[in-house]
PDB file of N, CA and C in Angstrom:
ATOM      1  N   MET A   1      87.380  99.551  93.768  1.00  0.00           N
ATOM      2  CA  MET A   1      88.506  99.725  93.181  1.00  0.00           C
ATOM      3  C   MET A   1      89.390  98.933  94.481  1.00  0.00           C
ATOM      4  N   SER A   2      89.950  97.832  94.496  1.00  0.00           N
ATOM      5  CA  SER A   2      90.862  97.092  95.357  1.00  0.00           C
ATOM      6  C   SER A   2      91.811  97.838  95.819  1.00  0.00           C
ATOM      7  N   GLU A   3      92.358  97.645  97.148  1.00  0.00           N
ATOM      8  CA  GLU A   3      93.733  98.281  97.558  1.00  0.00           C
ATOM      9  C   GLU A   3      94.842  97.121  96.790  1.00  0.00           C
ATOM     10  N   ALA A   4      95.734  97.703  96.418  1.00  0.00           N
ATOM     11  CA  ALA A   4      96.931  97.156  95.716  1.00  0.00           C
ATOM     12  C   ALA A   4      98.180  97.292  96.381  1.00  0.00           C
ATOM     13  N   ARG A   5      97.950  98.239  97.582  1.00  0.00           N
ATOM     14  CA  ARG A   5      99.468  98.692  98.344  1.00  0.00           C
ATOM     15  C   ARG A   5      99.880  97.264  99.066  1.00  0.00           C
ATOM     16  N   THR A   6     101.313  97.332  98.935  1.00  0.00           N
ATOM     17  CA  THR A   6     101.725  96.240  99.951  1.00  0.00           C
ATOM     18  C   THR A   6     102.798  97.328 100.818  1.00  0.00           C
ATOM     19  N   GLY A   7     102.744  96.541 101.946  1.00  0.00           N
ATOM     20  CA  GLY A   7     104.122  97.429 102.865  1.00  0.00           C
ATOM     21  C   GLY A   7     103.576  98.381 103.782  1.00  0.00           C
ATOM     22  N   LYS A   8     104.493  99.139 104.429  1.00  0.00           N
ATOM     23  CA  LYS A   8     104.251 100.316 104.918  1.00  0.00           C
ATOM     24  C   LYS A   8     104.800 101.324 104.298  1.00  0.00           C
ATOM     25  N   ARG A   9     103.819 102.415 104.419  1.00  0.00           N
ATOM     26  CA  ARG A   9     103.907 103.705 103.405  1.00  0.00           C
ATOM     27  C   ARG A   9     104.549 104.640 104.710  1.00  0.00           C
ATOM     28  N   PHE A  10     105.583 105.483 104.402  1.00  0.00           N
ATOM     29  CA  PHE A  10     106.094 106.570 105.363  1.00  0.00           C
ATOM     30  C   PHE A  10     106.074 107.854 104.502  1.00  0.00           C
ATOM     31  N   PRO A  11     104.972 108.736 105.240  1.00  0.00           N
ATOM     32  CA  PRO A  11     104.913 110.084 104.218  1.00  0.00           C
ATOM     33  C   PRO A  11     106.128 110.940 104.493  1.00  0.00           C
ATOM     34  N   LEU A  12     106.866 110.739 103.707  1.00  0.00           N
ATOM     35  CA  LEU A  12     108.205 111.446 103.502  1.00  0.00           C
ATOM     36  C   LEU A  12     108.238 112.145 102.544  1.00  0.00           C
ATOM     37  N   GLN A  13     108.716 113.749 102.391  1.00  0.00           N
ATOM     38  CA  GLN A  13     108.526 114.639 101.342  1.00  0.00           C
ATOM     39  C   GLN A  13     110.054 114.706 100.832  1.00  0.00           C
ATOM     40  N   LEU A  14     110.763 113.979  99.971  1.00  0.00           N
ATOM     41  CA  LEU A  14     111.986 114.018  99.606  1.00  0.00           C
ATOM     42  C   LEU A  14     112.438 114.530  98.295  1.00  0.00           C
ATOM     43  N   PRO A  15     113.198 115.010  97.982  1.00  0.00           N
ATOM     44  CA  PRO A  15     113.656 115.239  96.697  1.00  0.00           C
ATOM     45  C   PRO A  15     114.080 114.104  95.751  1.00  0.00           C
ATOM     46  N   ILE A  16     113.195 113.829  94.330  1.00  0.00           N
ATOM     47  CA  ILE A  16     113.353 113.137  93.458  1.00  0.00           C
ATOM     48  C   ILE A  16     113.747 113.388  92.144  1.00  0.00           C
ATOM     49  N   LYS A  17     114.532 112.970  91.233  1.00  0.00           N
ATOM     50  CA  LYS A  17     114.794 113.379  90.179  1.00  0.00           C
ATOM     51  C   LYS A  17     114.269 111.989  89.123  1.00  0.00           C
ATOM     52  N   ILE A  18     113.265 112.368  88.137  1.00  0.00           N
ATOM     53  CA  ILE A  18     112.762 111.395  87.411  1.00  0.00           C
ATOM     54  C   ILE A  18     113.412 111.447  86.114  1.00  0.00           C
ATOM     55  N   HIS A  19     113.821 110.213  85.480  1.00  0.00           N
ATOM     56  CA  HIS A  19     114.473 109.858  84.062  1.00  0.00           C
ATOM     57  C   HIS A  19     113.628 108.916  83.565  1.00  0.00           C
ATOM     58  N   ARG A  20     112.747 109.572  82.551  1.00  0.00           N
ATOM     59  CA  ARG A  20     112.238 108.793  81.628  1.00  0.00           C
ATOM     60  C   ARG A  20     112.866 107.918  80.728  1.00  0.00           C
ATOM     61  N   GLU A  21     112.738 106.712  80.791  1.00  0.00           N
ATOM     62  CA  GLU A  21     113.508 105.233  79.773  1.00  0.00           C
ATOM     63  C   GLU A  21     113.176 105.591  78.516  1.00  0.00           C
ATOM     64  N   ASP A  22     112.035 105.842  78.285  1.00  0.00           N
ATOM     65  CA  ASP A  22     111.570 106.268  76.215  1.00  0.00           C
ATOM     66  C   ASP A  22     111.716 107.523  75.813  1.00  0.00           C
ATOM     67  N   THR A  23     112.424 108.723  76.667  1.00  0.00           N
ATOM     68  CA  THR A  23     112.976 109.611  75.992  1.00  0.00           C
ATOM     69  C   THR A  23     114.750 109.920  76.651  1.00  0.00           C
ATOM     70  N   ALA A  24     115.628 110.016  75.619  1.00  0.00           N
ATOM     71  CA  ALA A  24     116.793 110.428  75.945  1.00  0.00           C
ATOM     72  C   ALA A  24     116.980 111.467  76.937  1.00  0.00           C
ATOM     73  N   GLY A  25     117.573 111.385  78.069  1.00  0.00           N
ATOM     74  CA  GLY A  25     117.896 112.446  78.653  1.00  0.00           C
ATOM     75  C   GLY A  25     116.911 113.705  79.142  1.00  0.00           C
ATOM     76  N   ASP A  26     115.521 113.106  78.935  1.00  0.00           N
ATOM     77  CA  ASP A  26     114.456 113.965  79.853  1.00  0.00           C
ATOM     78  C   ASP A  26     114.318 113.626  81.057  1.00  0.00           C
ATOM     79  N   THR A  27     114.697 114.494  81.991  1.00  0.00           N
ATOM     80  CA  THR A  27     114.873 114.551  83.353  1.00  0.00           C
ATOM     81  C   THR A  27     113.944 115.517  84.128  1.00  0.00           C
ATOM     82  N   SER A  28     113.120 114.867  85.179  1.00  0.00           N
ATOM     83  CA  SER A  28     112.050 115.933  85.562  1.00  0.00           C
ATOM     84  C   SER A  28     112.493 115.889  87.159  1.00  0.00           C
ATOM     85  N   SER A  29     111.925 116.923  87.887  1.00  0.00           N
ATOM     86  CA  SER A  29     112.191 116.520  89.598  1.00  0.00           C
ATOM     87  C   SER A  29     110.666 116.971  90.045  1.00  0.00           C
ATOM     88  N   GLY A  30     110.901 116.584  91.483  1.00  0.00           N
ATOM     89  CA  GLY A  30     109.777 116.581  92.261  1.00  0.00           C
ATOM     90  C   GLY A  30     109.877 116.331  93.498  1.00  0.00           C
ATOM     91  N   MET A  31     108.797 116.080  94.215  1.00  0.00           N
ATOM     92  CA  MET A  31     109.035 115.465  95.884  1.00  0.00           C
ATOM     93  C   MET A  31     108.348 114.318  95.859  1.00  0.00           C
ATOM     94  N   THR A  32     108.865 113.740  96.620  1.00  0.00           N
ATOM     95  CA  THR A  32     107.998 111.991  96.946  1.00  0.00           C
ATOM     96  C   THR A  32     106.565 112.487  97.855  1.00  0.00           C
ATOM     97  N   GLY A  33     106.080 111.953  97.884  1.00  0.00           N
ATOM     98  CA  GLY A  33     104.663 112.294  98.588  1.00  0.00           C
ATOM     99  C   GLY A  33     104.467 111.116 100.047  1.00  0.00           C
ATOM    100  N   ASN A  34     104.827 109.683  99.450  1.00  0.00           N
ATOM    101  CA  ASN A  34     104.979 108.663 100.610  1.00  0.00           C
ATOM    102  C   ASN A  34     105.944 107.516  99.911  1.00  0.00           C
ATOM    103  N   LEU A  35     106.468 106.930 100.601  1.00  0.00           N
ATOM    104  CA  LEU A  35     107.421 106.054 100.254  1.00  0.00           C
ATOM    105  C   LEU A  35     107.342 104.817 100.956  1.00  0.00           C
ATOM    106  N   SER A  36     107.499 103.783 100.230  1.00  0.00           N
ATOM    107  CA  SER A  36     107.410 102.079 100.887  1.00  0.00           C
ATOM    108  C   SER A  36     108.506 101.422 100.173  1.00  0.00           C
ATOM    109  N   ALA A  37     108.795 100.103 100.515  1.00  0.00           N
ATOM    110  CA  ALA A  37     109.835  99.405 100.281  1.00  0.00           C
ATOM    111  C   ALA A  37     109.048  99.044  98.698  1.00  0.00           C
ATOM    112  N   ALA A  38     108.033  99.061  98.563  1.00  0.00           N
ATOM    113  CA  ALA A  38     107.478  98.370  97.167  1.00  0.00           C
ATOM    114  C   ALA A  38     107.072  99.575  96.100  1.00  0.00           C
ATOM    115  N   GLY A  39     107.117 100.819  96.644  1.00  0.00           N
ATOM    116  CA  GLY A  39     106.664 101.986  95.542  1.00  0.00           C
ATOM    117  C   GLY A  39     106.825 103.263  96.369  1.00  0.00           C
ATOM    118  N   VAL A  40     106.459 104.128  95.375  1.00  0.00           N
ATOM    119  CA  VAL A  40     106.727 105.506  95.773  1.00  0.00           C
ATOM    120  C   VAL A  40     105.583 106.370  95.079  1.00  0.00           C
ATOM    121  N   TYR A  41     104.943 107.455  95.687  1.00  0.00           N
ATOM    122  CA  TYR A  41     104.289 108.503  95.042  1.00  0.00           C
ATOM    123  C   TYR A  41     104.936 109.973  95.072  1.00  0.00           C
ATOM    124  N   ILE A  42     104.851 110.084  93.808  1.00  0.00           N
ATOM    125  CA  ILE A  42     105.498 111.239  93.526  1.00  0.00           C
ATOM    126  C   ILE A  42     104.949 112.435  92.935  1.00  0.00           C
ATOM    127  N   ARG A  43     105.259 113.576  93.516  1.00  0.00           N
ATOM    128  CA  ARG A  43     104.498 114.900  92.971  1.00  0.00           C
ATOM    129  C   ARG A  43     105.284 115.508  92.083  1.00  0.00           C
ATOM    130  N   ALA A  44     105.186 115.629  90.711  1.00  0.00           N
ATOM    131  CA  ALA A  44     106.001 116.254  89.854  1.00  0.00           C
ATOM    132  C   ALA A  44     105.356 116.775  88.757  1.00  0.00           C
ATOM    133  N   ASP A  45     106.345 117.673  87.835  1.00  0.00           N
ATOM    134  CA  ASP A  45     105.519 118.331  86.590  1.00  0.00           C
ATOM    135  C   ASP A  45     105.678 117.124  85.529  1.00  0.00           C
ATOM    136  N   ALA A  46     106.116 115.784  85.715  1.00  0.00           N
ATOM    137  CA  ALA A  46     106.258 114.999  84.809  1.00  0.00           C
ATOM    138  C   ALA A  46     104.827 114.567  84.142  1.00  0.00           C
ATOM    139  N   SER A  47     105.017 114.319  82.878  1.00  0.00           N
ATOM    140  CA  SER A  47     103.785 113.529  82.256  1.00  0.00           C
ATOM    141  C   SER A  47     104.262 112.055  81.969  1.00  0.00           C
ATOM    142  N   LEU A  48     103.718 111.410  82.667  1.00  0.00           N
ATOM    143  CA  LEU A  48     104.151 109.804  82.626  1.00  0.00           C
ATOM    144  C   LEU A  48     102.925 108.809  82.267  1.00  0.00           C
ATOM    145  N   ASP A  49     103.040 107.918  81.401  1.00  0.00           N
ATOM    146  CA  ASP A  49     102.090 107.077  80.928  1.00  0.00           C
ATOM    147  C   ASP A  49     101.877 105.998  82.213  1.00  0.00           C
ATOM    148  N   VAL A  50     100.869 105.342  82.319  1.00  0.00           N
ATOM    149  CA  VAL A  50     100.382 104.160  82.942  1.00  0.00           C
ATOM    150  C   VAL A  50     101.162 102.983  82.439  1.00  0.00           C
ATOM    151  N   GLY A  51     101.943 102.121  82.963  1.00  0.00           N
ATOM    152  CA  GLY A  51     102.766 101.026  82.370  1.00  0.00           C
ATOM    153  C   GLY A  51     104.021 101.443  82.105  1.00  0.00           C
ATOM    154  N   SER A  52     104.501 102.742  81.923  1.00  0.00           N
ATOM    155  CA  SER A  52     105.679 102.951  81.271  1.00  0.00           C
ATOM    156  C   SER A  52     106.929 102.754  82.019  1.00  0.00           C
ATOM    157  N   PRO A  53     108.062 102.559  81.773  1.00  0.00           N
ATOM    158  CA  PRO A  53     109.354 102.065  82.498  1.00  0.00           C
ATOM    159  C   PRO A  53     109.633 103.426  83.002  1.00  0.00           C
ATOM    160  N   VAL A  54     110.406 103.607  84.178  1.00  0.00           N
ATOM    161  CA  VAL A  54     111.068 104.812  84.799  1.00  0.00           C
ATOM    162  C   VAL A  54     111.925 104.701  85.442  1.00  0.00           C
ATOM    163  N   GLU A  55     113.051 105.497  85.448  1.00  0.00           N
ATOM    164  CA  GLU A  55     114.158 105.287  86.625  1.00  0.00           C
ATOM    165  C   GLU A  55     113.966 106.842  87.557  1.00  0.00           C
ATOM    166  N   PHE A  56     114.200 106.430  88.850  1.00  0.00           N
ATOM    167  CA  PHE A  56     114.303 107.704  89.184  1.00  0.00           C
ATOM    168  C   PHE A  56     115.459 107.715  90.717  1.00  0.00           C
ATOM    169  N   GLU A  57     116.004 108.904  91.055  1.00  0.00           N
ATOM    170  CA  GLU A  57     116.690 109.180  92.012  1.00  0.00           C
ATOM    171  C   GLU A  57     116.206 109.566  93.347  1.00  0.00           C
ATOM    172  N   ILE A  58     115.915 109.042  94.377  1.00  0.00           N
ATOM    173  CA  ILE A  58     115.544 109.525  95.688  1.00  0.00           C
ATOM    174  C   ILE A  58     116.776 109.779  96.451  1.00  0.00           C
ATOM    175  N   THR A  59     117.010 111.225  97.187  1.00  0.00           N
ATOM    176  CA  THR A  59     117.767 111.730  97.805  1.00  0.00           C
ATOM    177  C   THR A  59     117.395 111.647  99.401  1.00  0.00           C
ATOM    178  N   LEU A  60     118.180 110.671 100.159  1.00  0.00           N
ATOM    179  CA  LEU A  60     117.683 110.662 101.465  1.00  0.00           C
ATOM    180  C   LEU A  60     118.601 111.659 102.080  1.00  0.00           C
ATOM    181  N   PRO A  61     118.384 112.760 103.264  1.00  0.00           N
ATOM    182  CA  PRO A  61     118.933 113.725 103.787  1.00  0.00           C
ATOM    183  C   PRO A  61     119.422 112.854 105.228  1.00  0.00           C
ATOM    184  N   PRO A  62     120.664 113.520 105.647  1.00  0.00           N
ATOM    185  CA  PRO A  62     121.080 112.801 107.037  1.00  0.00           C
ATOM    186  C   PRO A  62     120.053 112.547 108.232  1.00  0.00           C
ATOM    187  N   GLU A  63     119.030 113.582 108.251  1.00  0.00           N
ATOM    188  CA  GLU A  63     118.025 113.450 109.313  1.00  0.00           C
ATOM    189  C   GLU A  63     117.051 112.227 109.090  1.00  0.00           C
ATOM    190  N   VAL A  64     116.915 111.841 107.983  1.00  0.00           N
ATOM    191  CA  VAL A  64     116.314 110.269 107.824  1.00  0.00           C
ATOM    192  C   VAL A  64     117.258 109.185 107.891  1.00  0.00           C
ATOM    193  N   THR A  65     118.410 109.231 107.599  1.00  0.00           N
ATOM    194  CA  THR A  65     119.214 108.277 107.601  1.00  0.00           C
ATOM    195  C   THR A  65     120.162 108.072 108.888  1.00  0.00           C
ATOM    196  N   GLY A  66     120.302 109.210 109.638  1.00  0.00           N
ATOM    197  CA  GLY A  66     121.147 108.872 110.570  1.00  0.00           C
ATOM    198  C   GLY A  66     122.515 109.205 110.535  1.00  0.00           C
ATOM    199  N   GLY A  67     122.781 109.582 109.045  1.00  0.00           N
ATOM    200  CA  GLY A  67     124.421 109.348 108.891  1.00  0.00           C
ATOM    201  C   GLY A  67     124.585 111.106 108.775  1.00  0.00           C
ATOM    202  N   LYS A  68     125.837 110.971 108.171  1.00  0.00           N
ATOM    203  CA  LYS A  68     126.775 112.639 108.221  1.00  0.00           C
ATOM    204  C   LYS A  68     126.389 113.180 106.429  1.00  0.00           C
ATOM    205  N   GLU A  69     126.035 112.544 105.528  1.00  0.00           N
ATOM    206  CA  GLU A  69     125.767 113.322 104.333  1.00  0.00           C
ATOM    207  C   GLU A  69     124.530 112.491 103.640  1.00  0.00           C
ATOM    208  N   ASP A  70     124.121 113.090 102.622  1.00  0.00           N
ATOM    209  CA  ASP A  70     123.047 112.559 101.532  1.00  0.00           C
ATOM    210  C   ASP A  70     123.077 111.228 101.190  1.00  0.00           C
ATOM    211  N   VAL A  71     122.241 110.413 101.266  1.00  0.00           N
ATOM    212  CA  VAL A  71     122.016 109.175 100.510  1.00  0.00           C
ATOM    213  C   VAL A  71     121.007 109.076  99.302  1.00  0.00           C
ATOM    214  N   VAL A  72     121.681 108.437  98.222  1.00  0.00           N
ATOM    215  CA  VAL A  72     121.081 108.659  96.802  1.00  0.00           C
ATOM    216  C   VAL A  72     120.661 107.009  96.766  1.00  0.00           C
ATOM    217  N   ILE A  73     119.245 106.807  96.577  1.00  0.00           N
ATOM    218  CA  ILE A  73     119.120 105.633  95.776  1.00  0.00           C
ATOM    219  C   ILE A  73     118.373 105.470  94.281  1.00  0.00           C
ATOM    220  N   GLN A  74     119.203 104.710  93.538  1.00  0.00           N
ATOM    221  CA  GLN A  74     118.690 104.933  92.006  1.00  0.00           C
ATOM    222  C   GLN A  74     117.879 103.843  92.043  1.00  0.00           C
ATOM    223  N   CYS A  75     116.339 104.109  91.490  1.00  0.00           N
ATOM    224  CA  CYS A  75     115.460 103.098  91.518  1.00  0.00           C
ATOM    225  C   CYS A  75     115.134 102.703  89.836  1.00  0.00           C
ATOM    226  N   ARG A  76     114.694 101.717  89.610  1.00  0.00           N
ATOM    227  CA  ARG A  76     113.903 101.082  88.358  1.00  0.00           C
ATOM    228  C   ARG A  76     112.335 100.797  88.806  1.00  0.00           C
ATOM    229  N   GLY A  77     111.893 101.209  87.857  1.00  0.00           N
ATOM    230  CA  GLY A  77     110.174 100.936  88.159  1.00  0.00           C
ATOM    231  C   GLY A  77     109.198 101.242  87.071  1.00  0.00           C
ATOM    232  N   ARG A  78     108.239 101.400  87.290  1.00  0.00           N
ATOM    233  CA  ARG A  78     106.743 101.085  86.377  1.00  0.00           C
ATOM    234  C   ARG A  78     106.030 101.979  87.075  1.00  0.00           C
ATOM    235  N   VAL A  79     105.237 103.075  86.231  1.00  0.00           N
ATOM    236  CA  VAL A  79     104.203 103.826  86.554  1.00  0.00           C
ATOM    237  C   VAL A  79     102.874 102.976  86.748  1.00  0.00           C
ATOM    238  N   VAL A  80     102.118 103.003  87.716  1.00  0.00           N
ATOM    239  CA  VAL A  80     101.097 102.123  87.851  1.00  0.00           C
ATOM    240  C   VAL A  80      99.608 102.995  88.133  1.00  0.00           C
ATOM    241  N   ARG A  81      99.942 104.483  88.335  1.00  0.00           N
ATOM    242  CA  ARG A  81      98.794 105.332  88.248  1.00  0.00           C
ATOM    243  C   ARG A  81      98.892 106.790  88.174  1.00  0.00           C
ATOM    244  N   THR A  82      98.386 107.508  87.720  1.00  0.00           N
ATOM    245  CA  THR A  82      98.796 108.866  87.333  1.00  0.00           C
ATOM    246  C   THR A  82      97.459 109.620  87.881  1.00  0.00           C
ATOM    247  N   ASP A  83      97.762 110.929  88.581  1.00  0.00           N
ATOM    248  CA  ASP A  83      96.563 111.631  88.912  1.00  0.00           C
ATOM    249  C   ASP A  83      96.646 113.226  88.459  1.00  0.00           C
ATOM    250  N   GLU A  84      95.725 113.565  87.816  1.00  0.00           N
ATOM    251  CA  GLU A  84      95.691 114.612  87.185  1.00  0.00           C
ATOM    252  C   GLU A  84      96.151 115.806  88.245  1.00  0.00           C
ATOM    253  N   PRO A  85      96.825 116.999  87.541  1.00  0.00           N
ATOM    254  CA  PRO A  85      97.141 118.238  88.380  1.00  0.00           C
ATOM    255  C   PRO A  85      96.301 118.866  89.394  1.00  0.00           C
ATOM    256  N   ASN A  86      96.352 118.913  90.634  1.00  0.00           N
ATOM    257  CA  ASN A  86      95.559 119.541  91.514  1.00  0.00           C
ATOM    258  C   ASN A  86      96.266 121.028  91.958  1.00  0.00           C
ATOM    259  N   ALA A  87      95.715 122.085  91.506  1.00  0.00           N
ATOM    260  CA  ALA A  87      95.732 123.480  91.610  1.00  0.00           C
ATOM    261  C   ALA A  87      95.685 123.651  93.522  1.00  0.00           C
ATOM    262  N   SER A  88      96.161 122.942  94.176  1.00  0.00           N
ATOM    263  CA  SER A  88      96.267 123.432  95.389  1.00  0.00           C
ATOM    264  C   SER A  88      97.506 123.985  96.207  1.00  0.00           C
ATOM    265  N   ALA A  89      97.208 124.771  97.063  1.00  0.00           N
ATOM    266  CA  ALA A  89      98.517 125.564  97.839  1.00  0.00           C
ATOM    267  C   ALA A  89      99.674 124.553  98.150  1.00  0.00           C
ATOM    268  N   GLU A  90      99.304 123.284  98.332  1.00  0.00           N
ATOM    269  CA  GLU A  90     100.222 122.250  99.278  1.00  0.00           C
ATOM    270  C   GLU A  90     100.926 121.614  97.868  1.00  0.00           C
ATOM    271  N   SER A  91     100.074 121.399  96.604  1.00  0.00           N
ATOM    272  CA  SER A  91     100.972 120.676  95.826  1.00  0.00           C
ATOM    273  C   SER A  91     100.961 121.465  94.319  1.00  0.00           C
ATOM    274  N   GLY A  92     100.632 122.743  94.593  1.00  0.00           N
ATOM    275  CA  GLY A  92     101.031 123.316  93.224  1.00  0.00           C
ATOM    276  C   GLY A  92     100.376 122.942  92.054  1.00  0.00           C
ATOM    277  N   ASP A  93     101.158 122.980  90.865  1.00  0.00           N
ATOM    278  CA  ASP A  93     100.237 122.464  89.566  1.00  0.00           C
ATOM    279  C   ASP A  93     101.079 121.061  89.082  1.00  0.00           C
ATOM    280  N   SER A  94     101.591 120.418  90.280  1.00  0.00           N
ATOM    281  CA  SER A  94     102.004 119.244  89.815  1.00  0.00           C
ATOM    282  C   SER A  94     101.145 118.175  89.935  1.00  0.00           C
ATOM    283  N   ARG A  95     101.450 116.934  89.055  1.00  0.00           N
ATOM    284  CA  ARG A  95     100.720 116.060  89.319  1.00  0.00           C
ATOM    285  C   ARG A  95     101.093 114.738  89.833  1.00  0.00           C
ATOM    286  N   GLY A  96     100.148 113.852  90.365  1.00  0.00           N
ATOM    287  CA  GLY A  96     100.712 112.510  90.956  1.00  0.00           C
ATOM    288  C   GLY A  96     100.989 111.461  90.363  1.00  0.00           C
ATOM    289  N   VAL A  97     101.869 110.715  90.684  1.00  0.00           N
ATOM    290  CA  VAL A  97     102.459 109.615  89.973  1.00  0.00           C
ATOM    291  C   VAL A  97     102.866 108.742  90.974  1.00  0.00           C
ATOM    292  N   ALA A  98     102.103 107.387  90.895  1.00  0.00           N
ATOM    293  CA  ALA A  98     102.474 106.029  91.771  1.00  0.00           C
ATOM    294  C   ALA A  98     103.303 105.180  90.914  1.00  0.00           C
ATOM    295  N   CYS A  99     104.059 104.857  91.311  1.00  0.00           N
ATOM    296  CA  CYS A  99     105.131 103.756  90.865  1.00  0.00           C
ATOM    297  C   CYS A  99     105.507 102.582  91.605  1.00  0.00           C
ATOM    298  N   VAL A 100     105.406 101.863  91.020  1.00  0.00           N
ATOM    299  CA  VAL A 100     105.988 100.381  91.623  1.00  0.00           C
ATOM    300  C   VAL A 100     107.781 100.427  91.653  1.00  0.00           C
ATOM    301  N   ILE A 101     108.492 100.082  92.510  1.00  0.00           N
ATOM    302  CA  ILE A 101     109.819  99.879  92.279  1.00  0.00           C
ATOM    303  C   ILE A 101     110.205  98.449  91.859  1.00  0.00           C
ATOM    304  N   ASP A 102     110.785  98.240  90.898  1.00  0.00           N
ATOM    305  CA  ASP A 102     111.418  96.990  90.910  1.00  0.00           C
ATOM    306  C   ASP A 102     112.890  96.439  91.242  1.00  0.00           C
ATOM    307  N   SER A 103     113.512  97.420  91.135  1.00  0.00           N
ATOM    308  CA  SER A 103     114.863  97.266  91.761  1.00  0.00           C
ATOM    309  C   SER A 103     115.349  98.679  92.132  1.00  0.00           C
ATOM    310  N   TYR A 104     116.390  98.593  93.109  1.00  0.00           N
ATOM    311  CA  TYR A 104     116.910  99.656  93.394  1.00  0.00           C
ATOM    312  C   TYR A 104     118.508  99.574  93.926  1.00  0.00           C
ATOM    313  N   GLU A 105     118.997 100.504  93.883  1.00  0.00           N
ATOM    314  CA  GLU A 105     120.446 100.516  94.606  1.00  0.00           C
ATOM    315  C   GLU A 105     121.067 101.507  95.267  1.00  0.00           C
ATOM    316  N   PHE A 106     121.782 101.768  96.132  1.00  0.00           N
ATOM    317  CA  PHE A 106     122.610 103.001  96.865  1.00  0.00           C
ATOM    318  C   PHE A 106     123.617 103.465  96.080  1.00  0.00           C
ATOM    319  N   VAL A 107     123.570 104.656  95.793  1.00  0.00           N
ATOM    320  CA  VAL A 107     124.617 105.179  94.775  1.00  0.00           C
ATOM    321  C   VAL A 107     125.620 105.747  96.132  1.00  0.00           C
ATOM    322  N   ARG A 108     126.859 105.497  95.678  1.00  0.00           N
ATOM    323  CA  ARG A 108     127.987 105.950  96.730  1.00  0.00           C
ATOM    324  C   ARG A 108     128.985 106.934  95.977  1.00  0.00           C
ATOM    325  N   ASN A 109     128.844 108.323  97.022  1.00  0.00           N
ATOM    326  CA  ASN A 109     129.977 109.255  96.332  1.00  0.00           C
ATOM    327  C   ASN A 109     131.263 108.978  96.727  1.00  0.00           C
ATOM    328  N   THR A 110     132.290 108.754  95.599  1.00  0.00           N
ATOM    329  CA  THR A 110     133.417 108.710  95.660  1.00  0.00           C
ATOM    330  C   THR A 110     134.521 109.969  95.393  1.00  0.00           C
TER     331      THR A 110
END
């Protein structure tokens, strides 16, 4: 299998909310496993199919941004890989989902 990753990945565990575009209002939560400008690896209980579109929100805490409050990034992307749940102590029963990020925007709290 060839390596399809691009860009530097950062091993950040950040809260994430996943909104499936094919189901109205279905939201799951999880944690990022790593993050890059091109994609994200997510540990969540969401069942997502490879190729399906997905929207997600990643919350960056002040410790990551150097700011005074959380920064939320709203992303649109596609699922490119799924891993079956691994019942290890660190991941619980969550499954791994790799997503490519097609577009993103910063959400301002007003």
